[in-house]
Structure formats: C-alpha cells, structure tokens
C-alpha atoms as a PDB file:
ATOM      1  CA  MET A   1     117.991 109.822 -24.822  1.00  0.00           C
ATOM      2  CA  ARG A   2     118.618 111.125 -21.319  1.00  0.00           C
ATOM      3  CA  TRP A   3     118.585 108.609 -18.479  1.00  0.00           C
ATOM      4  CA  ASP A   4     118.397 110.120 -15.002  1.00  0.00           C
ATOM      5  CA  GLY A   5     119.819 108.152 -12.114  1.00  0.00           C
ATOM      6  CA  GLN A   6     120.592 105.114 -14.233  1.00  0.00           C
ATOM      7  CA  ARG A   7     122.795 102.163 -13.401  1.00  0.00           C
ATOM      8  CA  ILE A   8     124.101  99.888 -16.152  1.00  0.00           C
ATOM      9  CA  ASP A   9     125.177  96.377 -15.218  1.00  0.00           C
ATOM     10  CA  ARG A  10     126.951  94.559 -18.047  1.00  0.00           C
ATOM     11  CA  SER A  11     128.094  91.693 -15.858  1.00  0.00           C
ATOM     12  CA  ALA A  12     124.648  90.492 -14.764  1.00  0.00           C
ATOM     13  CA  PRO A  13     123.866  86.878 -15.671  1.00  0.00           C
ATOM     14  CA  ALA A  14     121.451  86.629 -18.593  1.00  0.00           C
ATOM     15  CA  THR A  15     121.338  82.996 -19.620  1.00  0.00           C
ATOM     16  CA  LEU A  16     118.325  83.421 -21.858  1.00  0.00           C
ATOM     17  CA  PHE A  17     119.266  86.775 -23.378  1.00  0.00           C
ATOM     18  CA  GLY A  18     122.789  86.247 -24.689  1.00  0.00           C
ATOM     19  CA  ASP A  19     125.972  88.199 -24.076  1.00  0.00           C
ATOM     20  CA  ASP A  20     124.885  91.605 -25.354  1.00  0.00           C
ATOM     21  CA  VAL A  21     122.049  92.226 -22.881  1.00  0.00           C
ATOM     22  CA  VAL A  22     122.222  95.541 -21.004  1.00  0.00           C
ATOM     23  CA  VAL A  23     120.639  95.572 -17.552  1.00  0.00           C
ATOM     24  CA  ARG A  24     119.484  98.976 -16.313  1.00  0.00           C
ATOM     25  CA  THR A  25     117.961 100.300 -13.112  1.00  0.00           C
ATOM     26  CA  PHE A  26     116.818 103.848 -12.410  1.00  0.00           C
ATOM     27  CA  ASP A  27     116.717 105.719  -9.139  1.00  0.00           C
ATOM     28  CA  THR A  28     113.631 107.701 -10.083  1.00  0.00           C
ATOM     29  CA  PRO A  29     110.176 107.489  -8.463  1.00  0.00           C
ATOM     30  CA  HIS A  30     108.375 105.932 -11.443  1.00  0.00           C
ATOM     31  CA  PHE A  31     111.001 103.228 -12.022  1.00  0.00           C
ATOM     32  CA  ARG A  32     112.447 102.583  -8.578  1.00  0.00           C
ATOM     33  CA  GLY A  33     112.605  98.861  -7.884  1.00  0.00           C
ATOM     34  CA  ILE A  34     112.273  97.910 -11.575  1.00  0.00           C
ATOM     35  CA  THR A  35     115.045  96.307 -13.618  1.00  0.00           C
ATOM     36  CA  PHE A  36     115.118  96.582 -17.410  1.00  0.00           C
ATOM     37  CA  TYR A  37     116.797  93.987 -19.625  1.00  0.00           C
ATOM     38  CA  GLU A  38     117.596  95.556 -23.006  1.00  0.00           C
ATOM     39  CA  VAL A  39     117.809  92.780 -25.572  1.00  0.00           C
ATOM     40  CA  ARG A  40     118.033  92.505 -29.338  1.00  0.00           C
ATOM     41  CA  ALA A  41     115.235  90.255 -30.545  1.00  0.00           C
ATOM     42  CA  ARG A  42     115.759  87.832 -33.411  1.00  0.00           C
ATOM     43  CA  ARG A  43     112.111  88.231 -34.474  1.00  0.00           C
ATOM     44  CA  VAL A  44     109.230  90.402 -33.290  1.00  0.00           C
ATOM     45  CA  LEU A  45     106.286  89.024 -35.274  1.00  0.00           C
ATOM     46  CA  ASN A  46     104.997  86.161 -33.132  1.00  0.00           C
ATOM     47  CA  GLN A  47     102.619  83.545 -34.514  1.00  0.00           C
ATOM     48  CA  VAL A  48      99.765  82.566 -32.205  1.00  0.00           C
ATOM     49  CA  PRO A  49      99.428  78.793 -31.687  1.00  0.00           C
ATOM     50  CA  LYS A  50      96.752  77.298 -33.919  1.00  0.00           C
ATOM     51  CA  ALA A  51      94.909  75.853 -30.927  1.00  0.00           C
ATOM     52  CA  SER A  52      94.327  79.330 -29.510  1.00  0.00           C
ATOM     53  CA  ALA A  53      90.771  80.698 -29.662  1.00  0.00           C
ATOM     54  CA  VAL A  54      91.833  84.296 -30.300  1.00  0.00           C
ATOM     55  CA  PRO A  55      90.690  85.908 -33.601  1.00  0.00           C
ATOM     56  CA  PHE A  56      94.192  86.819 -34.813  1.00  0.00           C
ATOM     57  CA  ARG A  57      97.294  84.886 -35.837  1.00  0.00           C
ATOM     58  CA  TRP A  58     100.114  87.386 -35.295  1.00  0.00           C
ATOM     59  CA  THR A  59     101.194  89.589 -32.404  1.00  0.00           C
ATOM     60  CA  ILE A  60     103.972  92.005 -31.500  1.00  0.00           C
ATOM     61  CA  ASN A  61     105.144  92.247 -27.887  1.00  0.00           C
ATOM     62  CA  PRO A  62     107.926  94.839 -27.587  1.00  0.00           C
ATOM     63  CA  TYR A  63     108.066  94.211 -23.812  1.00  0.00           C
ATOM     64  CA  ARG A  64     107.958  91.128 -21.593  1.00  0.00           C
ATOM     65  CA  GLY A  65     106.735  91.687 -18.060  1.00  0.00           C
ATOM     66  CA  CYS A  66     104.617  94.701 -17.173  1.00  0.00           C
ATOM     67  CA  SER A  67     104.883  97.469 -14.591  1.00  0.00           C
ATOM     68  CA  HIS A  68     101.088  97.843 -14.589  1.00  0.00           C
ATOM     69  CA  ALA A  69     101.358  95.089 -11.945  1.00  0.00           C
ATOM     70  CA  CYS A  70      97.701  94.019 -12.317  1.00  0.00           C
ATOM     71  CA  VAL A  71      97.197  91.265  -9.765  1.00  0.00           C
ATOM     72  CA  TYR A  72      94.980  89.281 -12.136  1.00  0.00           C
ATOM     73  CA  CYS A  73      97.090  89.499 -15.337  1.00  0.00           C
ATOM     74  CA  PHE A  74      96.698  86.291 -17.341  1.00  0.00           C
ATOM     75  CA  ALA A  75     100.145  86.750 -18.933  1.00  0.00           C
ATOM     76  CA  ARG A  76     102.037  86.252 -15.677  1.00  0.00           C
ATOM     77  CA  ASN A  77     102.954  82.653 -16.343  1.00  0.00           C
ATOM     78  CA  THR A  78     104.783  83.586 -19.559  1.00  0.00           C
ATOM     79  CA  HIS A  79     107.486  85.195 -17.424  1.00  0.00           C
ATOM     80  CA  THR A  80     108.489  81.790 -16.107  1.00  0.00           C
ATOM     81  CA  TYR A  81     109.750  80.950 -19.619  1.00  0.00           C
ATOM     82  CA  LEU A  82     112.460  83.562 -18.978  1.00  0.00           C
ATOM     83  CA  GLU A  83     113.467  82.015 -15.630  1.00  0.00           C
ATOM     84  CA  PHE A  84     111.600  84.744 -13.729  1.00  0.00           C
ATOM     85  CA  ASP A  85     108.672  84.128 -11.404  1.00  0.00           C
ATOM     86  CA  ALA A  86     105.058  84.928 -12.274  1.00  0.00           C
ATOM     87  CA  GLY A  87     104.597  87.212  -9.287  1.00  0.00           C
ATOM     88  CA  LYS A  88     106.859  90.071  -8.289  1.00  0.00           C
ATOM     89  CA  ASP A  89     109.326  89.427 -11.122  1.00  0.00           C
ATOM     90  CA  PHE A  90     106.557  89.894 -13.698  1.00  0.00           C
ATOM     91  CA  ASP A  91     105.944  93.384 -12.262  1.00  0.00           C
ATOM     92  CA  THR A  92     109.563  94.441 -11.834  1.00  0.00           C
ATOM     93  CA  GLN A  93     111.815  92.534 -14.284  1.00  0.00           C
ATOM     94  CA  ILE A  94     110.961  94.041 -17.678  1.00  0.00           C
ATOM     95  CA  VAL A  95     112.471  92.792 -20.930  1.00  0.00           C
ATOM     96  CA  VAL A  96     112.768  95.496 -23.620  1.00  0.00           C
ATOM     97  CA  LYS A  97     113.262  94.552 -27.268  1.00  0.00           C
ATOM     98  CA  ILE A  98     115.214  97.647 -28.222  1.00  0.00           C
ATOM     99  CA  ASN A  99     115.486  96.680 -31.904  1.00  0.00           C
ATOM    100  CA  ALA A 100     111.767  95.931 -32.323  1.00  0.00           C
ATOM    101  CA  ALA A 101     111.086  98.554 -35.017  1.00  0.00           C
ATOM    102  CA  GLU A 102     114.194  97.642 -37.003  1.00  0.00           C
ATOM    103  CA  ARG A 103     113.362  93.928 -36.950  1.00  0.00           C
ATOM    104  CA  LEU A 104     109.726  94.572 -37.810  1.00  0.00           C
ATOM    105  CA  ARG A 105     110.621  96.482 -40.984  1.00  0.00           C
ATOM    106  CA  HIS A 106     112.777  93.572 -42.065  1.00  0.00           C
ATOM    107  CA  GLU A 107     110.073  90.992 -41.352  1.00  0.00           C
ATOM    108  CA  LEU A 108     107.304  92.956 -43.068  1.00  0.00           C
ATOM    109  CA  ALA A 109     109.479  93.108 -46.189  1.00  0.00           C
ATOM    110  CA  GLU A 110     110.039  89.350 -46.339  1.00  0.00           C
ATOM    111  CA  PRO A 111     108.443  87.747 -49.421  1.00  0.00           C
ATOM    112  CA  LYS A 112     106.686  85.142 -47.265  1.00  0.00           C
ATOM    113  CA  TRP A 113     104.875  87.775 -45.176  1.00  0.00           C
ATOM    114  CA  GLY A 114     101.231  87.940 -46.265  1.00  0.00           C
ATOM    115  CA  GLY A 115     100.213  91.250 -44.717  1.00  0.00           C
ATOM    116  CA  GLU A 116      97.999  89.663 -42.080  1.00  0.00           C
ATOM    117  CA  HIS A 117      96.458  91.556 -39.178  1.00  0.00           C
ATOM    118  CA  VAL A 118      98.848  92.125 -36.256  1.00  0.00           C
ATOM    119  CA  ALA A 119      97.552  92.488 -32.684  1.00  0.00           C
ATOM    120  CA  MET A 120      99.422  94.439 -30.003  1.00  0.00           C
ATOM    121  CA  GLY A 121      98.790  94.621 -26.276  1.00  0.00           C
ATOM    122  CA  THR A 122      97.339  91.129 -26.137  1.00  0.00           C
ATOM    123  CA  ASN A 123     100.009  89.758 -23.778  1.00  0.00           C
ATOM    124  CA  VAL A 124     101.484  92.724 -21.906  1.00  0.00           C
ATOM    125  CA  ASP A 125     100.748  96.391 -22.475  1.00  0.00           C
ATOM    126  CA  CYS A 126     102.826  97.997 -25.226  1.00  0.00           C
ATOM    127  CA  TYR A 127     102.064 101.390 -23.631  1.00  0.00           C
ATOM    128  CA  GLN A 128     103.182 100.507 -20.133  1.00  0.00           C
ATOM    129  CA  ARG A 129     105.258 103.022 -18.218  1.00  0.00           C
ATOM    130  CA  ALA A 130     108.599 102.032 -19.800  1.00  0.00           C
ATOM    131  CA  GLU A 131     107.371 103.102 -23.233  1.00  0.00           C
ATOM    132  CA  GLY A 132     107.756 106.727 -22.162  1.00  0.00           C
ATOM    133  CA  ARG A 133     111.520 106.154 -21.998  1.00  0.00           C
ATOM    134  CA  TYR A 134     112.156 103.563 -24.673  1.00  0.00           C
ATOM    135  CA  ARG A 135     109.767 104.912 -27.342  1.00  0.00           C
ATOM    136  CA  LEU A 136     109.475 101.630 -29.224  1.00  0.00           C
ATOM    137  CA  MET A 137     105.925 102.102 -30.458  1.00  0.00           C
ATOM    138  CA  PRO A 138     106.469 105.079 -32.803  1.00  0.00           C
ATOM    139  CA  GLY A 139     108.941 103.032 -34.839  1.00  0.00           C
ATOM    140  CA  ILE A 140     106.650  99.996 -34.790  1.00  0.00           C
ATOM    141  CA  LEU A 141     103.619 102.007 -35.924  1.00  0.00           C
ATOM    142  CA  ALA A 142     105.638 103.743 -38.622  1.00  0.00           C
ATOM    143  CA  ALA A 143     106.794 100.376 -39.971  1.00  0.00           C
ATOM    144  CA  LEU A 144     103.227  99.054 -40.055  1.00  0.00           C
ATOM    145  CA  ARG A 145     102.018 102.266 -41.692  1.00  0.00           C
ATOM    146  CA  ASP A 146     104.676 102.162 -44.370  1.00  0.00           C
ATOM    147  CA  ALA A 147     103.752  98.561 -45.174  1.00  0.00           C
ATOM    148  CA  ALA A 148     100.006  99.407 -45.076  1.00  0.00           C
ATOM    149  CA  ASN A 149      99.691  96.463 -42.707  1.00  0.00           C
ATOM    150  CA  PRO A 150      96.463  96.208 -40.651  1.00  0.00           C
ATOM    151  CA  TYR A 151      96.816  96.173 -36.869  1.00  0.00           C
ATOM    152  CA  SER A 152      95.005  96.576 -33.579  1.00  0.00           C
ATOM    153  CA  ILE A 153      96.049  97.848 -30.152  1.00  0.00           C
ATOM    154  CA  LEU A 154      94.679  97.039 -26.714  1.00  0.00           C
ATOM    155  CA  THR A 155      95.967  99.180 -23.864  1.00  0.00           C
ATOM    156  CA  LYS A 156      95.415 100.588 -20.407  1.00  0.00           C
ATOM    157  CA  GLY A 157      98.025 103.269 -21.122  1.00  0.00           C
ATOM    158  CA  THR A 158      97.361 106.931 -21.809  1.00  0.00           C
ATOM    159  CA  LEU A 159     100.669 107.225 -23.682  1.00  0.00           C
ATOM    160  CA  ILE A 160      98.941 106.041 -26.841  1.00  0.00           C
ATOM    161  CA  LEU A 161      97.806 109.659 -27.325  1.00  0.00           C
ATOM    162  CA  ARG A 162     101.437 110.594 -27.976  1.00  0.00           C
ATOM    163  CA  ASP A 163     101.221 108.517 -31.171  1.00  0.00           C
ATOM    164  CA  LEU A 164      97.907 109.914 -32.346  1.00  0.00           C
ATOM    165  CA  GLU A 165      99.291 111.268 -35.623  1.00  0.00           C
ATOM    166  CA  LEU A 166     100.874 107.922 -36.487  1.00  0.00           C
ATOM    167  CA  LEU A 167      97.566 106.205 -35.809  1.00  0.00           C
ATOM    168  CA  ARG A 168      95.797 108.670 -38.108  1.00  0.00           C
ATOM    169  CA  GLN A 169      98.352 108.108 -40.846  1.00  0.00           C
ATOM    170  CA  SER A 170      97.981 104.351 -40.518  1.00  0.00           C
ATOM    171  CA  LYS A 171      94.202 104.552 -40.644  1.00  0.00           C
ATOM    172  CA  ALA A 172      94.468 106.426 -43.935  1.00  0.00           C
ATOM    173  CA  VAL A 173      96.180 103.445 -45.610  1.00  0.00           C
ATOM    174  CA  THR A 174      94.985 100.342 -43.745  1.00  0.00           C
ATOM    175  CA  ASP A 175      92.593  98.959 -41.151  1.00  0.00           C
ATOM    176  CA  VAL A 176      93.409 100.130 -37.610  1.00  0.00           C
ATOM    177  CA  SER A 177      91.434  99.452 -34.452  1.00  0.00           C
ATOM    178  CA  VAL A 178      92.072 100.536 -30.868  1.00  0.00           C
ATOM    179  CA  ASN A 179      90.517  99.262 -27.668  1.00  0.00           C
ATOM    180  CA  VAL A 180      91.096 100.556 -24.155  1.00  0.00           C
ATOM    181  CA  SER A 181      90.667  98.271 -21.146  1.00  0.00           C
ATOM    182  CA  VAL A 182      88.463  99.653 -18.350  1.00  0.00           C
ATOM    183  CA  GLY A 183      87.002  96.992 -16.084  1.00  0.00           C
ATOM    184  CA  LEU A 184      86.105  98.943 -12.975  1.00  0.00           C
ATOM    185  CA  LEU A 185      85.555 102.485 -11.710  1.00  0.00           C
ATOM    186  CA  GLU A 186      86.057 102.262  -7.925  1.00  0.00           C
ATOM    187  CA  GLN A 187      89.204 104.170  -6.973  1.00  0.00           C
ATOM    188  CA  GLU A 188      90.181 102.121  -3.926  1.00  0.00           C
ATOM    189  CA  LEU A 189      89.808  98.809  -5.735  1.00  0.00           C
ATOM    190  CA  TRP A 190      91.625 100.155  -8.813  1.00  0.00           C
ATOM    191  CA  ARG A 191      94.641 101.099  -6.684  1.00  0.00           C
ATOM    192  CA  ALA A 192      94.630  97.638  -5.118  1.00  0.00           C
ATOM    193  CA  VAL A 193      94.375  95.486  -8.241  1.00  0.00           C
ATOM    194  CA  GLU A 194      95.926  97.713 -10.962  1.00  0.00           C
ATOM    195  CA  PRO A 195      98.503  99.737  -9.019  1.00  0.00           C
ATOM    196  CA  GLY A 196     100.751 100.671 -11.949  1.00  0.00           C
ATOM    197  CA  THR A 197      98.045 101.788 -14.382  1.00  0.00           C
ATOM    198  CA  PRO A 198      96.525 105.187 -15.184  1.00  0.00           C
ATOM    199  CA  SER A 199      93.211 105.682 -13.410  1.00  0.00           C
ATOM    200  CA  PRO A 200      89.980 104.482 -15.051  1.00  0.00           C
ATOM    201  CA  GLY A 201      88.955 108.109 -15.532  1.00  0.00           C
ATOM    202  CA  ARG A 202      92.150 108.900 -17.438  1.00  0.00           C
ATOM    203  CA  ARG A 203      91.632 105.858 -19.645  1.00  0.00           C
ATOM    204  CA  LEU A 204      88.098 106.973 -20.477  1.00  0.00           C
ATOM    205  CA  ARG A 205      89.529 110.342 -21.488  1.00  0.00           C
ATOM    206  CA  VAL A 206      91.769 108.453 -23.919  1.00  0.00           C
ATOM    207  CA  VAL A 207      88.639 106.895 -25.434  1.00  0.00           C
ATOM    208  CA  ARG A 208      87.099 110.346 -25.782  1.00  0.00           C
ATOM    209  CA  GLU A 209      90.203 111.931 -27.330  1.00  0.00           C
ATOM    210  CA  LEU A 210      90.726 109.108 -29.805  1.00  0.00           C
ATOM    211  CA  GLY A 211      87.135 109.389 -30.929  1.00  0.00           C
ATOM    212  CA  ALA A 212      87.423 113.154 -31.303  1.00  0.00           C
ATOM    213  CA  ALA A 213      90.493 112.617 -33.499  1.00  0.00           C
ATOM    214  CA  GLY A 214      88.575 110.358 -35.875  1.00  0.00           C
ATOM    215  CA  LEU A 215      89.706 107.065 -34.342  1.00  0.00           C
ATOM    216  CA  PRO A 216      86.610 105.505 -32.736  1.00  0.00           C
ATOM    217  CA  CYS A 217      87.730 103.384 -29.814  1.00  0.00           C
ATOM    218  CA  GLY A 218      86.142 100.342 -28.234  1.00  0.00           C
ATOM    219  CA  VAL A 219      86.312  99.433 -24.562  1.00  0.00           C
ATOM    220  CA  LEU A 220      87.173  96.019 -23.230  1.00  0.00           C
ATOM    221  CA  MET A 221      85.312  95.921 -19.920  1.00  0.00           C
ATOM    222  CA  ALA A 222      87.761  93.558 -18.338  1.00  0.00           C
ATOM    223  CA  PRO A 223      88.177  91.896 -16.136  1.00  0.00           C
ATOM    224  CA  ILE A 224      84.907  91.863 -14.263  1.00  0.00           C
ATOM    225  CA  LEU A 225      85.890  90.593 -10.833  1.00  0.00           C
ATOM    226  CA  PRO A 226      83.326  88.198  -9.344  1.00  0.00           C
ATOM    227  CA  PHE A 227      81.744  89.462  -6.123  1.00  0.00           C
ATOM    228  CA  LEU A 228      83.796  92.659  -6.300  1.00  0.00           C
ATOM    229  CA  THR A 229      82.690  94.513  -9.451  1.00  0.00           C
ATOM    230  CA  ASP A 230      79.719  92.479 -10.682  1.00  0.00           C
ATOM    231  CA  ARG A 231      76.769  94.049  -8.872  1.00  0.00           C
ATOM    232  CA  PRO A 232      74.128  95.381 -11.302  1.00  0.00           C
ATOM    233  CA  GLU A 233      74.633  98.956 -10.134  1.00  0.00           C
ATOM    234  CA  GLN A 234      78.401  98.669 -10.668  1.00  0.00           C
ATOM    235  CA  LEU A 235      78.022  97.242 -14.156  1.00  0.00           C
ATOM    236  CA  ASP A 236      75.431  99.836 -15.078  1.00  0.00           C
ATOM    237  CA  ALA A 237      77.639 102.686 -13.857  1.00  0.00           C
ATOM    238  CA  ALA A 238      80.622 101.368 -15.817  1.00  0.00           C
ATOM    239  CA  VAL A 239      78.649 101.004 -19.058  1.00  0.00           C
ATOM    240  CA  ARG A 240      77.129 104.461 -18.580  1.00  0.00           C
ATOM    241  CA  GLU A 241      80.584 106.059 -18.199  1.00  0.00           C
ATOM    242  CA  ILE A 242      81.956 104.109 -21.149  1.00  0.00           C
ATOM    243  CA  ALA A 243      79.064 105.299 -23.321  1.00  0.00           C
ATOM    244  CA  ALA A 244      79.530 108.878 -22.131  1.00  0.00           C
ATOM    245  CA  ALA A 245      83.175 108.698 -23.228  1.00  0.00           C
ATOM    246  CA  GLY A 246      82.028 108.008 -26.781  1.00  0.00           C
ATOM    247  CA  ALA A 247      83.164 104.390 -27.051  1.00  0.00           C
ATOM    248  CA  ARG A 248      82.132 102.643 -30.257  1.00  0.00           C
ATOM    249  CA  SER A 249      81.497  99.337 -28.455  1.00  0.00           C
ATOM    250  CA  VAL A 250      81.871  97.583 -25.117  1.00  0.00           C
ATOM    251  CA  THR A 251      82.954  93.978 -24.572  1.00  0.00           C
ATOM    252  CA  PRO A 252      82.588  92.459 -21.083  1.00  0.00           C
ATOM    253  CA  LEU A 253      85.009  89.745 -19.997  1.00  0.00           C
ATOM    254  CA  VAL A 254      84.850  87.951 -16.682  1.00  0.00           C
ATOM    255  CA  LEU A 255      88.126  87.332 -14.846  1.00  0.00           C
ATOM    256  CA  HIS A 256      89.892  84.163 -15.897  1.00  0.00           C
ATOM    257  CA  LEU A 257      92.495  82.572 -13.680  1.00  0.00           C
ATOM    258  CA  ARG A 258      95.173  80.759 -15.630  1.00  0.00           C
ATOM    259  CA  PRO A 259      98.147  79.185 -13.878  1.00  0.00           C
ATOM    260  CA  GLY A 260     100.466  81.874 -12.570  1.00  0.00           C
ATOM    261  CA  ALA A 261      97.727  84.483 -12.474  1.00  0.00           C
ATOM    262  CA  ARG A 262      95.549  82.196 -10.377  1.00  0.00           C
ATOM    263  CA  GLU A 263      98.093  81.836  -7.571  1.00  0.00           C
ATOM    264  CA  TRP A 264      99.017  85.536  -7.525  1.00  0.00           C
ATOM    265  CA  TYR A 265      95.412  86.780  -7.619  1.00  0.00           C
ATOM    266  CA  LEU A 266      94.185  84.338  -4.990  1.00  0.00           C
ATOM    267  CA  ALA A 267      97.053  85.259  -2.697  1.00  0.00           C
ATOM    268  CA  TRP A 268      95.882  88.880  -2.973  1.00  0.00           C
ATOM    269  CA  LEU A 269      92.271  87.808  -2.411  1.00  0.00           C
ATOM    270  CA  ARG A 270      93.269  85.898   0.721  1.00  0.00           C
ATOM    271  CA  ARG A 271      94.849  89.082   2.103  1.00  0.00           C
ATOM    272  CA  ALA A 272      92.208  91.555   1.003  1.00  0.00           C
ATOM    273  CA  HIS A 273      88.935  89.605   0.883  1.00  0.00           C
ATOM    274  CA  PRO A 274      89.360  86.227   2.573  1.00  0.00           C
ATOM    275  CA  GLU A 275      85.580  85.917   2.935  1.00  0.00           C
ATOM    276  CA  LEU A 276      85.344  85.428  -0.854  1.00  0.00           C
ATOM    277  CA  LEU A 277      87.745  82.515  -1.197  1.00  0.00           C
ATOM    278  CA  ALA A 278      85.018  79.886  -0.840  1.00  0.00           C
ATOM    279  CA  ASP A 279      82.846  81.668  -3.418  1.00  0.00           C
ATOM    280  CA  TYR A 280      85.725  81.591  -5.894  1.00  0.00           C
ATOM    281  CA  ARG A 281      86.308  77.908  -5.240  1.00  0.00           C
ATOM    282  CA  VAL A 282      82.748  77.174  -6.371  1.00  0.00           C
ATOM    283  CA  LEU A 283      82.698  79.613  -9.290  1.00  0.00           C
ATOM    284  CA  TYR A 284      86.053  78.416 -10.700  1.00  0.00           C
ATOM    285  CA  ALA A 285      85.625  74.744  -9.848  1.00  0.00           C
ATOM    286  CA  GLY A 286      85.940  73.877 -13.530  1.00  0.00           C
ATOM    287  CA  GLY A 287      89.380  75.439 -13.972  1.00  0.00           C
ATOM    288  CA  SER A 288      90.554  78.800 -15.297  1.00  0.00           C
ATOM    289  CA  TYR A 289      87.149  80.148 -16.308  1.00  0.00           C
ATOM    290  CA  ALA A 290      84.081  81.057 -14.262  1.00  0.00           C
ATOM    291  CA  GLN A 291      80.940  78.957 -14.660  1.00  0.00           C
ATOM    292  CA  ARG A 292      79.393  79.448 -18.090  1.00  0.00           C
ATOM    293  CA  SER A 293      76.010  80.493 -16.645  1.00  0.00           C
ATOM    294  CA  TYR A 294      77.703  83.279 -14.682  1.00  0.00           C
ATOM    295  CA  GLN A 295      79.605  84.510 -17.749  1.00  0.00           C
ATOM    296  CA  GLU A 296      76.443  84.497 -19.849  1.00  0.00           C
ATOM    297  CA  ALA A 297      74.484  86.417 -17.223  1.00  0.00           C
ATOM    298  CA  ILE A 298      77.183  89.094 -17.078  1.00  0.00           C
ATOM    299  CA  ARG A 299      77.374  89.297 -20.871  1.00  0.00           C
ATOM    300  CA  ASP A 300      73.605  89.600 -21.279  1.00  0.00           C
ATOM    301  CA  TYR A 301      73.279  92.225 -18.576  1.00  0.00           C
ATOM    302  CA  VAL A 302      76.092  94.377 -19.989  1.00  0.00           C
ATOM    303  CA  THR A 303      74.695  93.969 -23.516  1.00  0.00           C
ATOM    304  CA  GLU A 304      71.285  95.189 -22.352  1.00  0.00           C
ATOM    305  CA  ARG A 305      72.829  98.156 -20.555  1.00  0.00           C
ATOM    306  CA  ALA A 306      74.896  98.943 -23.654  1.00  0.00           C
ATOM    307  CA  ALA A 307      71.725  98.960 -25.751  1.00  0.00           C
ATOM    308  CA  HIS A 308      70.072 101.211 -23.198  1.00  0.00           C
ATOM    309  CA  TYR A 309      72.897 103.744 -23.466  1.00  0.00           C
ATOM    310  CA  GLY A 310      73.141 103.496 -27.257  1.00  0.00           C
ATOM    311  CA  LEU A 311      76.338 101.486 -27.405  1.00  0.00           C
ATOM    312  CA  ALA A 312      77.010  98.753 -29.937  1.00  0.00           C
ATOM    313  CA  ARG A 313      78.027  95.334 -28.763  1.00  0.00           C
ATOM    314  CA  ALA A 314      81.483  94.208 -29.826  1.00  0.00           C
ATOM    315  CA  GLY A 315      81.816  93.198 -33.450  1.00  0.00           C
ATOM    316  CA  SER A 316      78.620  94.927 -34.514  1.00  0.00           C
ATOM    317  CA  GLY A 317      77.535  98.339 -35.678  1.00  0.00           C
ATOM    318  CA  GLU A 318      74.107  97.932 -34.149  1.00  0.00           C
ATOM    319  CA  VAL A 319      72.668  97.529 -30.683  1.00  0.00           C
ATOM    320  CA  ARG A 320      70.230  94.750 -29.931  1.00  0.00           C
ATOM    321  CA  GLU A 321      67.463  94.332 -27.413  1.00  0.00           C
ATOM    322  CA  VAL A 322      67.794  91.488 -24.947  1.00  0.00           C
ATOM    323  CA  ARG A 323      66.211  90.515 -21.669  1.00  0.00           C
ATOM    324  CA  THR A 324      67.503  92.185 -18.528  1.00  0.00           C
ATOM    325  CA  PRO A 325      68.914  89.486 -16.256  1.00  0.00           C
ATOM    326  CA  ALA A 326      70.611  90.264 -13.001  1.00  0.00           C
ATOM    327  CA  PRO A 327      74.038  88.755 -12.410  1.00  0.00           C
ATOM    328  CA  PRO A 328      73.968  85.627 -10.253  1.00  0.00           C
ATOM    329  CA  PRO A 329      73.514  86.310  -6.545  1.00  0.00           C
ATOM    330  CA  ARG A 330      76.485  85.791  -4.278  1.00  0.00           C
ATOM    331  CA  ARG A 331      76.582  82.428  -2.583  1.00  0.00           C
ATOM    332  CA  GLU A 332      76.876  82.224   1.159  1.00  0.00           C
ATOM    333  CA  PRO A 333      80.540  81.509   1.854  1.00  0.00           C
ATOM    334  CA  THR A 334      81.537  78.061   3.026  1.00  0.00           C
ATOM    335  CA  GLN A 335      84.614  77.074   4.976  1.00  0.00           C
ATOM    336  CA  LEU A 336      86.369  75.566   1.943  1.00  0.00           C
ATOM    337  CA  SER A 337      89.644  77.098   0.873  1.00  0.00           C
ATOM    338  CA  LEU A 338      90.871  77.828  -2.634  1.00  0.00           C
ATOM    339  CA  LEU A 339      94.519  77.596  -1.789  1.00  0.00           C
END
C-alpha cells in the first residue's frame, strides 16, 4: 500500500489501545487534519445489548469515529469511551481495526458462533473515506461470504460499489441486504450538516447501480431534520427521487438527539438557525426523540408518498394506501433556549 505524505508517530500516548498502536497523519487534501490510530482488535463481532430495540444482535465496526462529520450523528458519544470528545475528535480521530478481516475469520469459525445476522454501518460508516486507503471491507465481506453468514450494510459511501462482486458472491450463498442513507436533497444544507459525505445525488446513483447489478437496495430516509427538511414538498421530492433511483423501499426516520449528538447538533443549530432553537426545545421536551405525534405524521406522509410513487414501505414487498396527512405546522418560536 502506498501512503503519500504520511507521518508515523510510534511514541504517541495510547492508553486505551496498547503499545502496538500506530498513529498516522497524511498531508493530502482528503485526509488533512485527520489522525488515524491503527490498532489490532481482540474481537470484531460485537453483541448488541439486550435492552436495545434494534432488530439485530451482532455488529461489525471496523472503524471508530467517522470523517463523514455529520453534525447530527447519534454515535458521537461512543467516542468518549476512547477518551476522545464527541465533537471534533469524533470527526478527526479515527480508530482503524487493521486486523478486522483476520479476526472475523477466526470468530466465524468458533464452535459457539451460530451464524446469526451481522449488521454493518449501524454505528459509524464502514465505507467512510478511510476505507479507500485501508481496504478493510473486502476482507470482511470475503470472510462472511466464505462462512455463508447473512449480513446487512447501511452506508452513505459510494465506495461500496468497489465491492460489488463480493456482494454478488455473498448473495449467491446467503441473505444480504444493503441500504443507503439519503435524508435530504438540498445542496447547501447537505454541505452544512454532512460535510464529509458524498452528495445525495451520488448516493442515489449507488442505489441505481446496485439495483442494476441484481442487488435491490433500500433507502433509509434519515435523518429528517425538523423545520429544515420536513415540509411536504421537501419530503415528496425526496421520495420521488428515491423511487426514480429504483430503491426497493424507503424508511423515514426523524432526527434523534442522544447525548453527545444533542450538544454538537444544537451548537450548530445555534450558529446556523438560532430562530429554531425554541421549536426544538418544545419538540424534544421528552428527551432524545421528537414528539410521537410528529414522528407518526412524518411516517404516514412518507408512506403515502411512497405508495404514490410505487415504492414499498420498509419490511414489506407491497405498498399500502393510507391517509395523506401534512407534517405538523411549525410553531411560532418562543424566547426559550435549548442550551
């Protein structure tokens, strides 16, 4: 592997990573300002806590931290477990599990492993920018293919197309599903809230190319940002473009603001849209999630638009007819502050 403009620091403190961590920086435009911590993981199959509401029990996260730098990312607080902060460090201090494929083969071969579904991209994106250099995913996918182990991938990255043949081979022997995250279409807002990601248009092309290759792809329409991307005409336009890309389904998810993400996102909101802070205080008065009535209105509206454009709702092969509600109207701002 060729590393242009690299600097290797073997003396950097790494209290959580052990003595064999390699710390790299690169003086190249795509990686300037980012530090990579190359570590050797003890295990890569992570069991999801039983209390979690997610529909899977096992995940693989070959990276910790994410250069996508999405201001709303719910995974930000996990970086504090590594003695980094949930803000800038999450975007620029990236942990790379360089032995992920090797460890995965070992773990899949263990007698106690039951061949359960493995989800990837559920914490940070496994096809973030660093994957172009480290190339961890081909080895991971090959290991899962060889074990005929079912898996799913969620990504905002276009680099998944590099591994198209591995995905095809896996699909021939086991259950494979891919979803791409596209929550908004507006270029200016995309650059503000998802500065390190491929554009929404490029992601929709990924959906189209995966479908053309025999790998129907769903779209996670997430997050829908209250009072920024929730107008009926915005939601309709997004669903229309998702349907035109050939998505097999669309799943809307309203922004949730867990600790870590909440502080970082609201700091951005205070700078960019201070007039909305009071609205957010009301909508998220119950904690990390928007009011249930708001979430239901968004879900029903997107479901109706999906039916209109011939898209299935998530988890179903059929569309359904529902009423056509409009998302809740914006409240008049008050003088209360979220922060």
